[in-house]
Amino acid sequence: MRFPIVLFDLDGTLIDSGPIIIASMQHSVRTVLGREIPPEELGLTIGGQGIVAQMQAIDAEHADALLEAYKEHNDGLHDTLEAFDELLELLPSLRAEGRRLGIVTAKRHRTVELALERFPALRAEFAVVVAHEDTSRHKPDPDPVLLAVERLGGTSADAAYVGDSPFDIRAAKAAGVHAVAVGWGGIHPDERLLAEAPDAFVRSAAELLRVL
């Protein structure tokens, strides 16, 4: 196999969480600030430094209130969350080949757990979950990716990181791992991903398997 370690982003890669993230961000901005921000503008920061940084970027003075409104709205929407089934169906075969799988996400462990409760089959597939609290620096910094590789007992040359955001691609390249961008996330447009010059760009699980 080309890459014995395969790391995945969560939002927009394994789970189709873009719609509920955007909806909750719009709700918090509308509720706390009485404003409307276009969804495409809100989506620009998803997948990077995490929700706290996103709220601080919107309005630093009201960031705490924005975050609380976001959490209250977003937690309840996890019951409606969908996954990218084609990709989930690929994971057992990757593990059967002897690959070691991990999740590297900007989410906090609490909200990762909400997603895993919604899709229990995911829990068994991943040996490592690196979330926001696990590093002091976050994507696009390489630290979260490097930590996952270390915890899985490999080196950067052993690993690929699969994600749907420009922050994922930058983090992968900074960490020296194979950067695979996916076109099914629905959060970031293809041209924004391609502008980051990923090592591979795929639109289906079958294409992903071929590059791994």
C-alpha atoms as a PDB file:
ATOM      1  CA  MET A   1       0.000   0.000   0.000  1.00  0.00           C
ATOM      2  CA  ARG A   2       1.153   3.539  -0.681  1.00  0.00           C
ATOM      3  CA  PHE A   3       0.112   5.106   2.646  1.00  0.00           C
ATOM      4  CA  PRO A   4      -0.169   2.895   5.759  1.00  0.00           C
ATOM      5  CA  ILE A   5      -1.534   5.892   7.721  1.00  0.00           C
ATOM      6  CA  VAL A   6      -4.618   7.710   6.459  1.00  0.00           C
ATOM      7  CA  LEU A   7      -5.932  10.724   8.354  1.00  0.00           C
ATOM      8  CA  PHE A   8      -9.312  12.318   7.755  1.00  0.00           C
ATOM      9  CA  ASP A   9     -10.827  15.667   8.529  1.00  0.00           C
ATOM     10  CA  LEU A  10     -14.324  15.321  10.009  1.00  0.00           C
ATOM     11  CA  ASP A  11     -16.586  18.212   8.898  1.00  0.00           C
ATOM     12  CA  GLY A  12     -17.245  18.105   5.178  1.00  0.00           C
ATOM     13  CA  THR A  13     -15.080  15.014   4.712  1.00  0.00           C
ATOM     14  CA  LEU A  14     -16.584  12.187   6.756  1.00  0.00           C
ATOM     15  CA  ILE A  15     -19.823  13.920   7.742  1.00  0.00           C
ATOM     16  CA  ASP A  16     -22.004  16.363   5.826  1.00  0.00           C
ATOM     17  CA  SER A  17     -21.996  18.947   8.586  1.00  0.00           C
ATOM     18  CA  GLY A  18     -21.593  22.084   6.492  1.00  0.00           C
ATOM     19  CA  PRO A  19     -25.324  22.891   6.439  1.00  0.00           C
ATOM     20  CA  ILE A  20     -25.764  22.682  10.222  1.00  0.00           C
ATOM     21  CA  ILE A  21     -22.560  24.636  10.909  1.00  0.00           C
ATOM     22  CA  ILE A  22     -23.644  27.448   8.594  1.00  0.00           C
ATOM     23  CA  ALA A  23     -27.189  27.422  10.000  1.00  0.00           C
ATOM     24  CA  SER A  24     -25.894  27.695  13.563  1.00  0.00           C
ATOM     25  CA  MET A  25     -23.457  30.462  12.682  1.00  0.00           C
ATOM     26  CA  GLN A  26     -26.248  32.409  11.002  1.00  0.00           C
ATOM     27  CA  HIS A  27     -28.474  31.838  14.032  1.00  0.00           C
ATOM     28  CA  SER A  28     -25.838  33.103  16.461  1.00  0.00           C
ATOM     29  CA  VAL A  29     -25.024  36.202  14.406  1.00  0.00           C
ATOM     30  CA  ARG A  30     -28.707  36.978  13.927  1.00  0.00           C
ATOM     31  CA  THR A  31     -29.563  36.391  17.601  1.00  0.00           C
ATOM     32  CA  VAL A  32     -26.629  38.162  19.230  1.00  0.00           C
ATOM     33  CA  LEU A  33     -25.753  40.867  16.722  1.00  0.00           C
ATOM     34  CA  GLY A  34     -29.001  41.348  14.798  1.00  0.00           C
ATOM     35  CA  ARG A  35     -27.046  40.958  11.568  1.00  0.00           C
ATOM     36  CA  GLU A  36     -27.123  38.780   8.489  1.00  0.00           C
ATOM     37  CA  ILE A  37     -23.869  37.427   7.055  1.00  0.00           C
ATOM     38  CA  PRO A  38     -24.011  35.565   3.715  1.00  0.00           C
ATOM     39  CA  PRO A  39     -23.402  31.819   4.080  1.00  0.00           C
ATOM     40  CA  GLU A  40     -20.553  31.865   1.580  1.00  0.00           C
ATOM     41  CA  GLU A  41     -18.758  34.431   3.745  1.00  0.00           C
ATOM     42  CA  LEU A  42     -19.291  32.392   6.915  1.00  0.00           C
ATOM     43  CA  GLY A  43     -18.026  29.271   5.165  1.00  0.00           C
ATOM     44  CA  LEU A  44     -14.636  30.779   4.390  1.00  0.00           C
ATOM     45  CA  THR A  45     -13.292  30.068   7.890  1.00  0.00           C
ATOM     46  CA  ILE A  46     -14.783  26.590   8.456  1.00  0.00           C
ATOM     47  CA  GLY A  47     -12.158  23.912   9.033  1.00  0.00           C
ATOM     48  CA  GLY A  48      -9.392  26.165  10.301  1.00  0.00           C
ATOM     49  CA  GLN A  49      -8.703  27.530  13.761  1.00  0.00           C
ATOM     50  CA  GLY A  50     -11.976  26.337  15.297  1.00  0.00           C
ATOM     51  CA  ILE A  51     -15.310  27.827  16.297  1.00  0.00           C
ATOM     52  CA  VAL A  52     -13.921  30.130  19.026  1.00  0.00           C
ATOM     53  CA  ALA A  53     -11.589  31.822  16.546  1.00  0.00           C
ATOM     54  CA  GLN A  54     -14.411  32.042  14.026  1.00  0.00           C
ATOM     55  CA  MET A  55     -16.645  33.868  16.494  1.00  0.00           C
ATOM     56  CA  GLN A  56     -13.825  36.183  17.538  1.00  0.00           C
ATOM     57  CA  ALA A  57     -13.278  37.062  13.886  1.00  0.00           C
ATOM     58  CA  ILE A  58     -16.962  37.950  13.499  1.00  0.00           C
ATOM     59  CA  ASP A  59     -17.103  40.165  16.613  1.00  0.00           C
ATOM     60  CA  ALA A  60     -14.425  39.900  19.292  1.00  0.00           C
ATOM     61  CA  GLU A  61     -16.434  41.885  21.851  1.00  0.00           C
ATOM     62  CA  HIS A  62     -19.415  39.518  21.633  1.00  0.00           C
ATOM     63  CA  ALA A  63     -17.506  36.301  20.884  1.00  0.00           C
ATOM     64  CA  ASP A  64     -18.592  34.514  24.083  1.00  0.00           C
ATOM     65  CA  ALA A  65     -22.273  35.241  23.488  1.00  0.00           C
ATOM     66  CA  LEU A  66     -21.941  34.194  19.848  1.00  0.00           C
ATOM     67  CA  LEU A  67     -20.333  30.927  20.904  1.00  0.00           C
ATOM     68  CA  GLU A  68     -23.053  30.108  23.437  1.00  0.00           C
ATOM     69  CA  ALA A  69     -25.807  30.831  20.916  1.00  0.00           C
ATOM     70  CA  TYR A  70     -23.973  28.664  18.378  1.00  0.00           C
ATOM     71  CA  LYS A  71     -23.604  25.715  20.767  1.00  0.00           C
ATOM     72  CA  GLU A  72     -27.232  25.805  21.869  1.00  0.00           C
ATOM     73  CA  HIS A  73     -28.436  25.805  18.280  1.00  0.00           C
ATOM     74  CA  ASN A  74     -25.885  23.382  16.869  1.00  0.00           C
ATOM     75  CA  ASP A  75     -26.126  20.639  19.491  1.00  0.00           C
ATOM     76  CA  GLY A  76     -29.775  20.004  18.689  1.00  0.00           C
ATOM     77  CA  LEU A  77     -29.115  19.799  14.957  1.00  0.00           C
ATOM     78  CA  HIS A  78     -26.814  16.791  15.304  1.00  0.00           C
ATOM     79  CA  ASP A  79     -29.898  14.577  15.198  1.00  0.00           C
ATOM     80  CA  THR A  80     -30.306  15.650  11.561  1.00  0.00           C
ATOM     81  CA  LEU A  81     -26.646  15.157  10.630  1.00  0.00           C
ATOM     82  CA  GLU A  82     -25.859  13.053   7.566  1.00  0.00           C
ATOM     83  CA  ALA A  83     -22.653  11.257   6.627  1.00  0.00           C
ATOM     84  CA  PHE A  84     -20.961  10.700   3.291  1.00  0.00           C
ATOM     85  CA  ASP A  85     -21.996   7.046   3.107  1.00  0.00           C
ATOM     86  CA  GLU A  86     -19.732   6.125   0.202  1.00  0.00           C
ATOM     87  CA  LEU A  87     -16.693   7.187   2.200  1.00  0.00           C
ATOM     88  CA  LEU A  88     -17.871   5.495   5.387  1.00  0.00           C
ATOM     89  CA  GLU A  89     -18.271   2.257   3.450  1.00  0.00           C
ATOM     90  CA  LEU A  90     -14.635   2.514   2.341  1.00  0.00           C
ATOM     91  CA  LEU A  91     -13.180   2.729   5.857  1.00  0.00           C
ATOM     92  CA  PRO A  92     -13.482  -0.968   6.872  1.00  0.00           C
ATOM     93  CA  SER A  93     -11.653  -2.049   3.722  1.00  0.00           C
ATOM     94  CA  LEU A  94      -8.836   0.419   4.422  1.00  0.00           C
ATOM     95  CA  ARG A  95      -8.479  -1.022   7.914  1.00  0.00           C
ATOM     96  CA  ALA A  96      -8.657  -4.579   6.550  1.00  0.00           C
ATOM     97  CA  GLU A  97      -5.619  -3.768   4.415  1.00  0.00           C
ATOM     98  CA  GLY A  98      -3.743  -2.993   7.624  1.00  0.00           C
ATOM     99  CA  ARG A  99      -3.871   0.781   7.394  1.00  0.00           C
ATOM    100  CA  ARG A 100      -4.037   2.847  10.562  1.00  0.00           C
ATOM    101  CA  LEU A 101      -6.755   5.509  10.469  1.00  0.00           C
ATOM    102  CA  GLY A 102      -7.141   8.747  12.389  1.00  0.00           C
ATOM    103  CA  ILE A 103      -9.321  11.844  12.552  1.00  0.00           C
ATOM    104  CA  VAL A 104      -7.767  15.322  12.683  1.00  0.00           C
ATOM    105  CA  THR A 105     -10.385  18.003  13.247  1.00  0.00           C
ATOM    106  CA  ALA A 106     -10.817  21.581  14.417  1.00  0.00           C
ATOM    107  CA  LYS A 107     -13.824  20.442  16.460  1.00  0.00           C
ATOM    108  CA  ARG A 108     -13.577  20.026  20.208  1.00  0.00           C
ATOM    109  CA  HIS A 109     -13.859  16.512  21.624  1.00  0.00           C
ATOM    110  CA  ARG A 110     -17.343  17.278  22.956  1.00  0.00           C
ATOM    111  CA  THR A 111     -18.746  17.946  19.489  1.00  0.00           C
ATOM    112  CA  VAL A 112     -16.734  15.117  17.932  1.00  0.00           C
ATOM    113  CA  GLU A 113     -18.535  12.874  20.416  1.00  0.00           C
ATOM    114  CA  LEU A 114     -21.917  14.170  19.220  1.00  0.00           C
ATOM    115  CA  ALA A 115     -21.003  13.110  15.685  1.00  0.00           C
ATOM    116  CA  LEU A 116     -19.757   9.697  16.816  1.00  0.00           C
ATOM    117  CA  GLU A 117     -22.971   9.132  18.743  1.00  0.00           C
ATOM    118  CA  ARG A 118     -24.894   9.860  15.541  1.00  0.00           C
ATOM    119  CA  PHE A 119     -22.686   7.449  13.530  1.00  0.00           C
ATOM    120  CA  PRO A 120     -21.506   4.732  15.961  1.00  0.00           C
ATOM    121  CA  ALA A 121     -19.834   2.742  13.179  1.00  0.00           C
ATOM    122  CA  LEU A 122     -17.257   5.512  12.852  1.00  0.00           C
ATOM    123  CA  ARG A 123     -15.951   4.960  16.364  1.00  0.00           C
ATOM    124  CA  ALA A 124     -14.547   1.523  15.608  1.00  0.00           C
ATOM    125  CA  GLU A 125     -12.698   2.624  12.475  1.00  0.00           C
ATOM    126  CA  PHE A 126     -10.360   5.207  13.983  1.00  0.00           C
ATOM    127  CA  ALA A 127      -7.482   4.488  16.340  1.00  0.00           C
ATOM    128  CA  VAL A 128      -6.794   8.180  16.998  1.00  0.00           C
ATOM    129  CA  VAL A 129      -8.838  11.380  17.192  1.00  0.00           C
ATOM    130  CA  VAL A 130      -6.909  14.653  17.370  1.00  0.00           C
ATOM    131  CA  ALA A 131      -9.270  17.508  18.215  1.00  0.00           C
ATOM    132  CA  HIS A 132      -8.928  21.186  19.070  1.00  0.00           C
ATOM    133  CA  GLU A 133      -7.816  20.687  22.679  1.00  0.00           C
ATOM    134  CA  ASP A 134      -4.953  18.364  21.770  1.00  0.00           C
ATOM    135  CA  THR A 135      -2.620  21.016  20.341  1.00  0.00           C
ATOM    136  CA  SER A 136      -1.927  24.657  21.097  1.00  0.00           C
ATOM    137  CA  ARG A 137      -1.634  25.476  17.404  1.00  0.00           C
ATOM    138  CA  HIS A 138      -4.293  24.501  14.894  1.00  0.00           C
ATOM    139  CA  LYS A 139      -4.781  24.008  11.170  1.00  0.00           C
ATOM    140  CA  PRO A 140      -3.324  25.291   8.899  1.00  0.00           C
ATOM    141  CA  ASP A 141      -0.415  24.752  11.299  1.00  0.00           C
ATOM    142  CA  PRO A 142       0.922  21.182  10.935  1.00  0.00           C
ATOM    143  CA  ASP A 143       0.854  20.325  14.661  1.00  0.00           C
ATOM    144  CA  PRO A 144      -2.476  18.427  14.721  1.00  0.00           C
ATOM    145  CA  VAL A 145      -1.497  16.316  11.712  1.00  0.00           C
ATOM    146  CA  LEU A 146       1.967  15.596  13.103  1.00  0.00           C
ATOM    147  CA  LEU A 147       0.479  14.585  16.469  1.00  0.00           C
ATOM    148  CA  ALA A 148      -1.858  12.098  14.795  1.00  0.00           C
ATOM    149  CA  VAL A 149       1.009  10.603  12.787  1.00  0.00           C
ATOM    150  CA  GLU A 150       3.087  10.281  15.967  1.00  0.00           C
ATOM    151  CA  ARG A 151       0.235   8.632  17.893  1.00  0.00           C
ATOM    152  CA  LEU A 152      -0.201   6.143  15.072  1.00  0.00           C
ATOM    153  CA  GLY A 153       3.468   5.226  15.213  1.00  0.00           C
ATOM    154  CA  GLY A 154       4.506   6.441  11.796  1.00  0.00           C
ATOM    155  CA  THR A 155       6.325   9.169   9.930  1.00  0.00           C
ATOM    156  CA  SER A 156       5.078  11.898   7.619  1.00  0.00           C
ATOM    157  CA  ALA A 157       6.186   9.871   4.596  1.00  0.00           C
ATOM    158  CA  ASP A 158       3.801   7.087   5.697  1.00  0.00           C
ATOM    159  CA  ALA A 159       0.736   9.318   5.809  1.00  0.00           C
ATOM    160  CA  ALA A 160      -1.969  10.982   3.752  1.00  0.00           C
ATOM    161  CA  TYR A 161      -4.408  13.563   5.077  1.00  0.00           C
ATOM    162  CA  VAL A 162      -7.835  13.738   3.442  1.00  0.00           C
ATOM    163  CA  GLY A 163      -9.823  16.950   3.841  1.00  0.00           C
ATOM    164  CA  ASP A 164     -12.263  19.357   2.263  1.00  0.00           C
ATOM    165  CA  SER A 165     -10.822  22.740   3.235  1.00  0.00           C
ATOM    166  CA  PRO A 166      -7.830  24.848   2.235  1.00  0.00           C
ATOM    167  CA  PHE A 167      -6.720  24.655   5.878  1.00  0.00           C
ATOM    168  CA  ASP A 168      -6.525  20.862   5.613  1.00  0.00           C
ATOM    169  CA  ILE A 169      -4.365  21.061   2.499  1.00  0.00           C
ATOM    170  CA  ARG A 170      -2.022  23.635   4.025  1.00  0.00           C
ATOM    171  CA  ALA A 171      -1.689  21.624   7.240  1.00  0.00           C
ATOM    172  CA  ALA A 172      -0.950  18.439   5.310  1.00  0.00           C
ATOM    173  CA  LYS A 173       1.695  20.083   3.154  1.00  0.00           C
ATOM    174  CA  ALA A 174       3.288  21.802   6.153  1.00  0.00           C
ATOM    175  CA  ALA A 175       3.443  18.431   7.914  1.00  0.00           C
ATOM    176  CA  GLY A 176       5.019  16.737   4.913  1.00  0.00           C
ATOM    177  CA  VAL A 177       2.158  14.305   4.400  1.00  0.00           C
ATOM    178  CA  HIS A 178       0.290  13.589   1.155  1.00  0.00           C
ATOM    179  CA  ALA A 179      -2.450  16.229   0.818  1.00  0.00           C
ATOM    180  CA  VAL A 180      -5.708  14.887  -0.621  1.00  0.00           C
ATOM    181  CA  ALA A 181      -8.553  17.332  -1.240  1.00  0.00           C
ATOM    182  CA  VAL A 182     -12.112  16.066  -1.619  1.00  0.00           C
ATOM    183  CA  GLY A 183     -14.765  17.729  -3.738  1.00  0.00           C
ATOM    184  CA  TRP A 184     -17.851  16.502  -1.901  1.00  0.00           C
ATOM    185  CA  GLY A 185     -17.741  18.685   1.223  1.00  0.00           C
ATOM    186  CA  GLY A 186     -20.038  21.422  -0.031  1.00  0.00           C
ATOM    187  CA  ILE A 187     -18.379  24.082   2.137  1.00  0.00           C
ATOM    188  CA  HIS A 188     -15.407  25.245   0.081  1.00  0.00           C
ATOM    189  CA  PRO A 189     -15.601  25.579  -3.721  1.00  0.00           C
ATOM    190  CA  ASP A 190     -13.364  23.400  -5.884  1.00  0.00           C
ATOM    191  CA  GLU A 191     -11.378  26.349  -7.192  1.00  0.00           C
ATOM    192  CA  ARG A 192     -10.424  27.387  -3.662  1.00  0.00           C
ATOM    193  CA  LEU A 193      -9.132  23.882  -2.943  1.00  0.00           C
ATOM    194  CA  LEU A 194      -7.267  23.593  -6.238  1.00  0.00           C
ATOM    195  CA  ALA A 195      -5.608  26.961  -5.597  1.00  0.00           C
ATOM    196  CA  GLU A 196      -3.815  25.278  -2.665  1.00  0.00           C
ATOM    197  CA  ALA A 197      -2.197  22.765  -5.072  1.00  0.00           C
ATOM    198  CA  PRO A 198      -3.137  19.549  -3.234  1.00  0.00           C
ATOM    199  CA  ASP A 199      -1.221  16.409  -4.153  1.00  0.00           C
ATOM    200  CA  ALA A 200      -4.512  14.883  -5.285  1.00  0.00           C
ATOM    201  CA  PHE A 201      -8.090  16.058  -5.786  1.00  0.00           C
ATOM    202  CA  VAL A 202     -10.852  13.441  -5.709  1.00  0.00           C
ATOM    203  CA  ARG A 203     -14.610  13.480  -6.181  1.00  0.00           C
ATOM    204  CA  SER A 204     -15.526   9.964  -5.033  1.00  0.00           C
ATOM    205  CA  ALA A 205     -14.464   7.266  -2.607  1.00  0.00           C
ATOM    206  CA  ALA A 206     -13.314   5.137  -5.546  1.00  0.00           C
ATOM    207  CA  GLU A 207     -10.996   7.944  -6.708  1.00  0.00           C
ATOM    208  CA  LEU A 208      -9.728   8.320  -3.152  1.00  0.00           C
ATOM    209  CA  LEU A 209      -8.855   4.638  -2.925  1.00  0.00           C
ATOM    210  CA  ARG A 210      -6.842   4.885  -6.130  1.00  0.00           C
ATOM    211  CA  VAL A 211      -4.643   7.710  -4.794  1.00  0.00           C
ATOM    212  CA  LEU A 212      -4.058   5.977  -1.451  1.00  0.00           C
END
